[in-house]
């Protein structure tokens, strides 16, 4: 699975586990709601700067994404 898709799915799992809306995640990440929704659906990639912000907000580590099992939620 492509790394960006693995990342977006992990962020989705974090958001659901923490009962956050897409709007709240977008606000916390400093990006538009539309951009966040496209990222989470895997419809668009994000640049490194935005990926780092999303990773920080969602507590998803970027290192090791290529080994991550998407079904695992680490809260």
PDB file of N, CA and C in Angstrom:
ATOM      1  N   UNK A   1       0.847  -1.175   0.000  1.00  0.00           N
ATOM      2  CA  UNK A   1       0.000   0.000   0.000  1.00  0.00           C
ATOM      3  C   UNK A   1       0.895   1.241   0.000  1.00  0.00           C
ATOM      4  N   UNK A   2       0.568   2.244  -0.810  1.00  0.00           N
ATOM      5  CA  UNK A   2       1.377   3.468  -0.827  1.00  0.00           C
ATOM      6  C   UNK A   2       1.439   4.117   0.562  1.00  0.00           C
ATOM      7  N   UNK A   3       2.579   4.686   0.870  1.00  0.00           N
ATOM      8  CA  UNK A   3       2.804   5.258   2.200  1.00  0.00           C
ATOM      9  C   UNK A   3       1.793   6.351   2.527  1.00  0.00           C
ATOM     10  N   UNK A   4       1.471   7.235   1.566  1.00  0.00           N
ATOM     11  CA  UNK A   4       0.540   8.323   1.855  1.00  0.00           C
ATOM     12  C   UNK A   4      -0.850   7.776   2.180  1.00  0.00           C
ATOM     13  N   UNK A   5      -1.246   6.705   1.519  1.00  0.00           N
ATOM     14  CA  UNK A   5      -2.544   6.094   1.816  1.00  0.00           C
ATOM     15  C   UNK A   5      -2.524   5.444   3.201  1.00  0.00           C
ATOM     16  N   UNK A   6      -1.430   4.796   3.543  1.00  0.00           N
ATOM     17  CA  UNK A   6      -1.278   4.227   4.885  1.00  0.00           C
ATOM     18  C   UNK A   6      -1.368   5.333   5.930  1.00  0.00           C
ATOM     19  N   UNK A   7      -0.716   6.454   5.649  1.00  0.00           N
ATOM     20  CA  UNK A   7      -0.731   7.604   6.558  1.00  0.00           C
ATOM     21  C   UNK A   7      -2.152   8.144   6.716  1.00  0.00           C
ATOM     22  N   UNK A   8      -2.843   8.356   5.607  1.00  0.00           N
ATOM     23  CA  UNK A   8      -4.192   8.925   5.698  1.00  0.00           C
ATOM     24  C   UNK A   8      -5.137   7.988   6.451  1.00  0.00           C
ATOM     25  N   UNK A   9      -4.984   6.704   6.275  1.00  0.00           N
ATOM     26  CA  UNK A   9      -5.838   5.748   6.998  1.00  0.00           C
ATOM     27  C   UNK A   9      -5.524   5.736   8.490  1.00  0.00           C
ATOM     28  N   UNK A  10      -4.250   5.859   8.827  1.00  0.00           N
ATOM     29  CA  UNK A  10      -3.870   5.915  10.242  1.00  0.00           C
ATOM     30  C   UNK A  10      -4.421   7.178  10.895  1.00  0.00           C
ATOM     31  N   UNK A  11      -4.384   8.291  10.179  1.00  0.00           N
ATOM     32  CA  UNK A  11      -4.927   9.549  10.697  1.00  0.00           C
ATOM     33  C   UNK A  11      -6.443   9.423  10.869  1.00  0.00           C
ATOM     34  N   UNK A  12      -7.094   8.807   9.906  1.00  0.00           N
ATOM     35  CA  UNK A  12      -8.539   8.574  10.009  1.00  0.00           C
ATOM     36  C   UNK A  12      -8.857   7.766  11.272  1.00  0.00           C
ATOM     37  N   UNK A  13      -8.095   6.716  11.508  1.00  0.00           N
ATOM     38  CA  UNK A  13      -8.316   5.879  12.690  1.00  0.00           C
ATOM     39  C   UNK A  13      -8.116   6.679  13.973  1.00  0.00           C
ATOM     40  N   UNK A  14      -7.091   7.533  13.988  1.00  0.00           N
ATOM     41  CA  UNK A  14      -6.856   8.391  15.151  1.00  0.00           C
ATOM     42  C   UNK A  14      -8.060   9.300  15.375  1.00  0.00           C
ATOM     43  N   UNK A  15      -8.517   9.939  14.300  1.00  0.00           N
ATOM     44  CA  UNK A  15      -9.628  10.888  14.403  1.00  0.00           C
ATOM     45  C   UNK A  15     -10.875  10.203  14.955  1.00  0.00           C
ATOM     46  N   UNK A  16     -11.184   9.039  14.442  1.00  0.00           N
ATOM     47  CA  UNK A  16     -12.361   8.304  14.904  1.00  0.00           C
ATOM     48  C   UNK A  16     -12.200   7.865  16.359  1.00  0.00           C
ATOM     49  N   UNK A  17     -11.022   7.382  16.718  1.00  0.00           N
ATOM     50  CA  UNK A  17     -10.772   6.916  18.084  1.00  0.00           C
ATOM     51  C   UNK A  17     -10.885   8.048  19.104  1.00  0.00           C
ATOM     52  N   UNK A  18     -10.598   9.278  18.654  1.00  0.00           N
ATOM     53  CA  UNK A  18     -10.641  10.432  19.550  1.00  0.00           C
ATOM     54  C   UNK A  18     -11.905  11.272  19.355  1.00  0.00           C
ATOM     55  N   UNK A  19     -12.838  10.748  18.573  1.00  0.00           N
ATOM     56  CA  UNK A  19     -14.146  11.393  18.373  1.00  0.00           C
ATOM     57  C   UNK A  19     -14.014  12.837  17.887  1.00  0.00           C
ATOM     58  N   UNK A  20     -13.150  13.031  16.895  1.00  0.00           N
ATOM     59  CA  UNK A  20     -12.940  14.355  16.314  1.00  0.00           C
ATOM     60  C   UNK A  20     -13.579  14.420  14.936  1.00  0.00           C
ATOM     61  N   UNK A  21     -14.122  15.567  14.604  1.00  0.00           N
ATOM     62  CA  UNK A  21     -14.684  15.767  13.271  1.00  0.00           C
ATOM     63  C   UNK A  21     -13.562  16.101  12.289  1.00  0.00           C
ATOM     64  N   UNK A  22     -13.859  15.958  11.020  1.00  0.00           N
ATOM     65  CA  UNK A  22     -12.888  16.354  10.004  1.00  0.00           C
ATOM     66  C   UNK A  22     -12.632  17.855  10.092  1.00  0.00           C
ATOM     67  N   UNK A  23     -13.652  18.608  10.419  1.00  0.00           N
ATOM     68  CA  UNK A  23     -13.506  20.059  10.551  1.00  0.00           C
ATOM     69  C   UNK A  23     -12.530  20.408  11.672  1.00  0.00           C
ATOM     70  N   UNK A  24     -12.640  19.715  12.804  1.00  0.00           N
ATOM     71  CA  UNK A  24     -11.747  19.974  13.937  1.00  0.00           C
ATOM     72  C   UNK A  24     -10.312  19.583  13.594  1.00  0.00           C
ATOM     73  N   UNK A  25     -10.145  18.455  12.913  1.00  0.00           N
ATOM     74  CA  UNK A  25      -8.796  18.035  12.510  1.00  0.00           C
ATOM     75  C   UNK A  25      -8.187  19.045  11.545  1.00  0.00           C
ATOM     76  N   UNK A  26      -8.975  19.490  10.571  1.00  0.00           N
ATOM     77  CA  UNK A  26      -8.473  20.474   9.611  1.00  0.00           C
ATOM     78  C   UNK A  26      -8.048  21.747  10.329  1.00  0.00           C
ATOM     79  N   UNK A  27      -8.856  22.190  11.274  1.00  0.00           N
ATOM     80  CA  UNK A  27      -8.540  23.389  12.046  1.00  0.00           C
ATOM     81  C   UNK A  27      -7.233  23.201  12.813  1.00  0.00           C
ATOM     82  N   UNK A  28      -7.101  22.075  13.486  1.00  0.00           N
ATOM     83  CA  UNK A  28      -5.887  21.808  14.273  1.00  0.00           C
ATOM     84  C   UNK A  28      -4.647  21.699  13.391  1.00  0.00           C
ATOM     85  N   UNK A  29      -4.840  21.224  12.151  1.00  0.00           N
ATOM     86  CA  UNK A  29      -3.717  21.056  11.227  1.00  0.00           C
ATOM     87  C   UNK A  29      -3.419  22.325  10.436  1.00  0.00           C
ATOM     88  N   UNK A  30      -4.320  23.292  10.496  1.00  0.00           N
ATOM     89  CA  UNK A  30      -4.109  24.549   9.789  1.00  0.00           C
ATOM     90  C   UNK A  30      -4.311  24.448   8.287  1.00  0.00           C
ATOM     91  N   UNK A  31      -5.219  23.567   7.864  1.00  0.00           N
ATOM     92  CA  UNK A  31      -5.522  23.433   6.441  1.00  0.00           C
ATOM     93  C   UNK A  31      -7.032  23.516   6.250  1.00  0.00           C
ATOM     94  N   UNK A  32      -7.451  23.697   5.002  1.00  0.00           N
ATOM     95  CA  UNK A  32      -8.883  23.794   4.733  1.00  0.00           C
ATOM     96  C   UNK A  32      -9.559  22.446   4.963  1.00  0.00           C
ATOM     97  N   UNK A  33     -10.829  22.512   5.260  1.00  0.00           N
ATOM     98  CA  UNK A  33     -11.605  21.292   5.475  1.00  0.00           C
ATOM     99  C   UNK A  33     -11.626  20.460   4.195  1.00  0.00           C
ATOM    100  N   UNK A  34     -11.805  21.121   3.062  1.00  0.00           N
ATOM    101  CA  UNK A  34     -11.848  20.403   1.780  1.00  0.00           C
ATOM    102  C   UNK A  34     -10.540  19.660   1.525  1.00  0.00           C
ATOM    103  N   UNK A  35      -9.410  20.313   1.788  1.00  0.00           N
ATOM    104  CA  UNK A  35      -8.103  19.679   1.576  1.00  0.00           C
ATOM    105  C   UNK A  35      -7.935  18.493   2.525  1.00  0.00           C
ATOM    106  N   UNK A  36      -8.331  18.685   3.780  1.00  0.00           N
ATOM    107  CA  UNK A  36      -8.217  17.601   4.752  1.00  0.00           C
ATOM    108  C   UNK A  36      -9.063  16.409   4.332  1.00  0.00           C
ATOM    109  N   UNK A  37     -10.290  16.655   3.899  1.00  0.00           N
ATOM    110  CA  UNK A  37     -11.177  15.561   3.488  1.00  0.00           C
ATOM    111  C   UNK A  37     -10.592  14.789   2.310  1.00  0.00           C
ATOM    112  N   UNK A  38     -10.033  15.508   1.335  1.00  0.00           N
ATOM    113  CA  UNK A  38      -9.416  14.836   0.182  1.00  0.00           C
ATOM    114  C   UNK A  38      -8.216  14.006   0.618  1.00  0.00           C
ATOM    115  N   UNK A  39      -7.418  14.537   1.549  1.00  0.00           N
ATOM    116  CA  UNK A  39      -6.273  13.786   2.080  1.00  0.00           C
ATOM    117  C   UNK A  39      -6.745  12.509   2.765  1.00  0.00           C
ATOM    118  N   UNK A  40      -7.723  12.642   3.643  1.00  0.00           N
ATOM    119  CA  UNK A  40      -8.179  11.489   4.420  1.00  0.00           C
ATOM    120  C   UNK A  40      -8.786  10.406   3.530  1.00  0.00           C
ATOM    121  N   UNK A  41      -9.429  10.807   2.448  1.00  0.00           N
ATOM    122  CA  UNK A  41     -10.014   9.841   1.508  1.00  0.00           C
ATOM    123  C   UNK A  41      -8.967   9.236   0.581  1.00  0.00           C
ATOM    124  N   UNK A  42      -7.749   9.777   0.614  1.00  0.00           N
ATOM    125  CA  UNK A  42      -6.698   9.278  -0.261  1.00  0.00           C
ATOM    126  C   UNK A  42      -6.793   9.828  -1.668  1.00  0.00           C
ATOM    127  N   UNK A  43      -7.540  10.915  -1.838  1.00  0.00           N
ATOM    128  CA  UNK A  43      -7.731  11.518  -3.158  1.00  0.00           C
ATOM    129  C   UNK A  43      -6.618  12.484  -3.539  1.00  0.00           C
ATOM    130  N   UNK A  44      -5.833  12.920  -2.560  1.00  0.00           N
ATOM    131  CA  UNK A  44      -4.743  13.847  -2.831  1.00  0.00           C
ATOM    132  C   UNK A  44      -3.609  13.591  -1.847  1.00  0.00           C
ATOM    133  N   UNK A  45      -2.421  13.919  -2.269  1.00  0.00           N
ATOM    134  CA  UNK A  45      -1.265  13.864  -1.380  1.00  0.00           C
ATOM    135  C   UNK A  45      -1.069  15.238  -0.759  1.00  0.00           C
ATOM    136  N   UNK A  46      -0.320  15.284   0.308  1.00  0.00           N
ATOM    137  CA  UNK A  46       0.018  16.554   0.938  1.00  0.00           C
ATOM    138  C   UNK A  46       1.532  16.706   0.921  1.00  0.00           C
ATOM    139  N   UNK A  47       1.975  17.944   0.993  1.00  0.00           N
ATOM    140  CA  UNK A  47       3.397  18.216   1.050  1.00  0.00           C
ATOM    141  C   UNK A  47       3.969  17.832   2.404  1.00  0.00           C
ATOM    142  N   UNK A  48       5.272  17.814   2.482  1.00  0.00           N
ATOM    143  CA  UNK A  48       5.945  17.407   3.716  1.00  0.00           C
ATOM    144  C   UNK A  48       5.571  18.304   4.888  1.00  0.00           C
ATOM    145  N   UNK A  49       5.468  19.613   4.659  1.00  0.00           N
ATOM    146  CA  UNK A  49       5.131  20.524   5.754  1.00  0.00           C
ATOM    147  C   UNK A  49       3.758  20.211   6.343  1.00  0.00           C
ATOM    148  N   UNK A  50       2.792  19.949   5.487  1.00  0.00           N
ATOM    149  CA  UNK A  50       1.451  19.618   5.968  1.00  0.00           C
ATOM    150  C   UNK A  50       1.439  18.222   6.587  1.00  0.00           C
ATOM    151  N   UNK A  51       2.153  17.286   5.987  1.00  0.00           N
ATOM    152  CA  UNK A  51       2.229  15.929   6.540  1.00  0.00           C
ATOM    153  C   UNK A  51       2.797  15.969   7.958  1.00  0.00           C
ATOM    154  N   UNK A  52       3.796  16.790   8.181  1.00  0.00           N
ATOM    155  CA  UNK A  52       4.383  16.903   9.521  1.00  0.00           C
ATOM    156  C   UNK A  52       3.385  17.480  10.518  1.00  0.00           C
ATOM    157  N   UNK A  53       2.608  18.485  10.080  1.00  0.00           N
ATOM    158  CA  UNK A  53       1.588  19.057  10.967  1.00  0.00           C
ATOM    159  C   UNK A  53       0.511  18.030  11.298  1.00  0.00           C
ATOM    160  N   UNK A  54       0.054  17.307  10.278  1.00  0.00           N
ATOM    161  CA  UNK A  54      -0.973  16.287  10.495  1.00  0.00           C
ATOM    162  C   UNK A  54      -0.441  15.201  11.428  1.00  0.00           C
ATOM    163  N   UNK A  55       0.796  14.793  11.216  1.00  0.00           N
ATOM    164  CA  UNK A  55       1.403  13.761  12.060  1.00  0.00           C
ATOM    165  C   UNK A  55       1.483  14.218  13.513  1.00  0.00           C
ATOM    166  N   UNK A  56       1.844  15.475  13.716  1.00  0.00           N
ATOM    167  CA  UNK A  56       1.947  15.999  15.080  1.00  0.00           C
ATOM    168  C   UNK A  56       0.575  16.037  15.754  1.00  0.00           C
ATOM    169  N   UNK A  57      -0.420  16.521  15.043  1.00  0.00           N
ATOM    170  CA  UNK A  57      -1.774  16.620  15.596  1.00  0.00           C
ATOM    171  C   UNK A  57      -2.350  15.239  15.887  1.00  0.00           C
ATOM    172  N   UNK A  58      -2.125  14.299  14.980  1.00  0.00           N
ATOM    173  CA  UNK A  58      -2.745  12.977  15.093  1.00  0.00           C
ATOM    174  C   UNK A  58      -1.904  11.968  15.870  1.00  0.00           C
ATOM    175  N   UNK A  59      -0.715  12.379  16.272  1.00  0.00           N
ATOM    176  CA  UNK A  59       0.189  11.494  17.006  1.00  0.00           C
ATOM    177  C   UNK A  59       0.543  10.244  16.204  1.00  0.00           C
ATOM    178  N   UNK A  60       0.509  10.370  14.881  1.00  0.00           N
ATOM    179  CA  UNK A  60       0.903   9.275  13.993  1.00  0.00           C
ATOM    180  C   UNK A  60       2.347   9.516  13.596  1.00  0.00           C
ATOM    181  N   UNK A  61       3.191   8.552  13.876  1.00  0.00           N
ATOM    182  CA  UNK A  61       4.611   8.688  13.528  1.00  0.00           C
ATOM    183  C   UNK A  61       4.806   8.406  12.047  1.00  0.00           C
ATOM    184  N   UNK A  62       5.593   9.244  11.407  1.00  0.00           N
ATOM    185  CA  UNK A  62       5.853   9.060   9.982  1.00  0.00           C
ATOM    186  C   UNK A  62       6.890   7.977   9.730  1.00  0.00           C
ATOM    187  N   UNK A  63       7.815   7.804  10.660  1.00  0.00           N
ATOM    188  CA  UNK A  63       8.805   6.750  10.468  1.00  0.00           C
ATOM    189  C   UNK A  63       8.126   5.398  10.691  1.00  0.00           C
ATOM    190  N   UNK A  64       8.428   4.472   9.863  1.00  0.00           N
ATOM    191  CA  UNK A  64       7.844   3.150   9.990  1.00  0.00           C
ATOM    192  C   UNK A  64       6.487   2.978   9.339  1.00  0.00           C
ATOM    193  N   UNK A  65       6.002   3.981   8.613  1.00  0.00           N
ATOM    194  CA  UNK A  65       4.697   3.854   7.959  1.00  0.00           C
ATOM    195  C   UNK A  65       4.671   2.710   6.956  1.00  0.00           C
ATOM    196  N   UNK A  66       5.806   2.451   6.330  1.00  0.00           N
ATOM    197  CA  UNK A  66       5.838   1.374   5.342  1.00  0.00           C
ATOM    198  C   UNK A  66       5.693   0.000   5.988  1.00  0.00           C
ATOM    199  N   UNK A  67       5.811  -0.068   7.320  1.00  0.00           N
ATOM    200  CA  UNK A  67       5.677  -1.340   8.031  1.00  0.00           C
ATOM    201  C   UNK A  67       4.383  -1.414   8.832  1.00  0.00           C
ATOM    202  N   UNK A  68       3.664  -0.329   8.899  1.00  0.00           N
ATOM    203  CA  UNK A  68       2.482  -0.228   9.757  1.00  0.00           C
ATOM    204  C   UNK A  68       1.315  -1.036   9.202  1.00  0.00           C
ATOM    205  N   UNK A  69       0.607  -1.692  10.102  1.00  0.00           N
ATOM    206  CA  UNK A  69      -0.634  -2.359   9.742  1.00  0.00           C
ATOM    207  C   UNK A  69      -1.762  -1.379  10.002  1.00  0.00           C
ATOM    208  N   UNK A  70      -2.511  -1.058   8.970  1.00  0.00           N
ATOM    209  CA  UNK A  70      -3.527  -0.022   9.061  1.00  0.00           C
ATOM    210  C   UNK A  70      -4.620  -0.373  10.060  1.00  0.00           C
ATOM    211  N   UNK A  71      -4.871  -1.626  10.292  1.00  0.00           N
ATOM    212  CA  UNK A  71      -5.908  -2.031  11.225  1.00  0.00           C
ATOM    213  C   UNK A  71      -5.559  -1.782  12.679  1.00  0.00           C
ATOM    214  N   UNK A  72      -4.339  -1.378  12.965  1.00  0.00           N
ATOM    215  CA  UNK A  72      -3.879  -1.184  14.330  1.00  0.00           C
ATOM    216  C   UNK A  72      -4.043   0.271  14.738  1.00  0.00           C
ATOM    217  N   UNK A  73      -4.698   0.502  15.855  1.00  0.00           N
ATOM    218  CA  UNK A  73      -4.827   1.854  16.388  1.00  0.00           C
ATOM    219  C   UNK A  73      -3.938   1.943  17.611  1.00  0.00           C
ATOM    220  N   UNK A  74      -3.039   2.903  17.582  1.00  0.00           N
ATOM    221  CA  UNK A  74      -2.154   3.127  18.717  1.00  0.00           C
ATOM    222  C   UNK A  74      -2.547   4.448  19.344  1.00  0.00           C
ATOM    223  N   UNK A  75      -3.307   4.414  20.403  1.00  0.00           N
ATOM    224  CA  UNK A  75      -3.783   5.640  21.036  1.00  0.00           C
ATOM    225  C   UNK A  75      -3.016   5.924  22.299  1.00  0.00           C
TER     226      UNK A  75
END
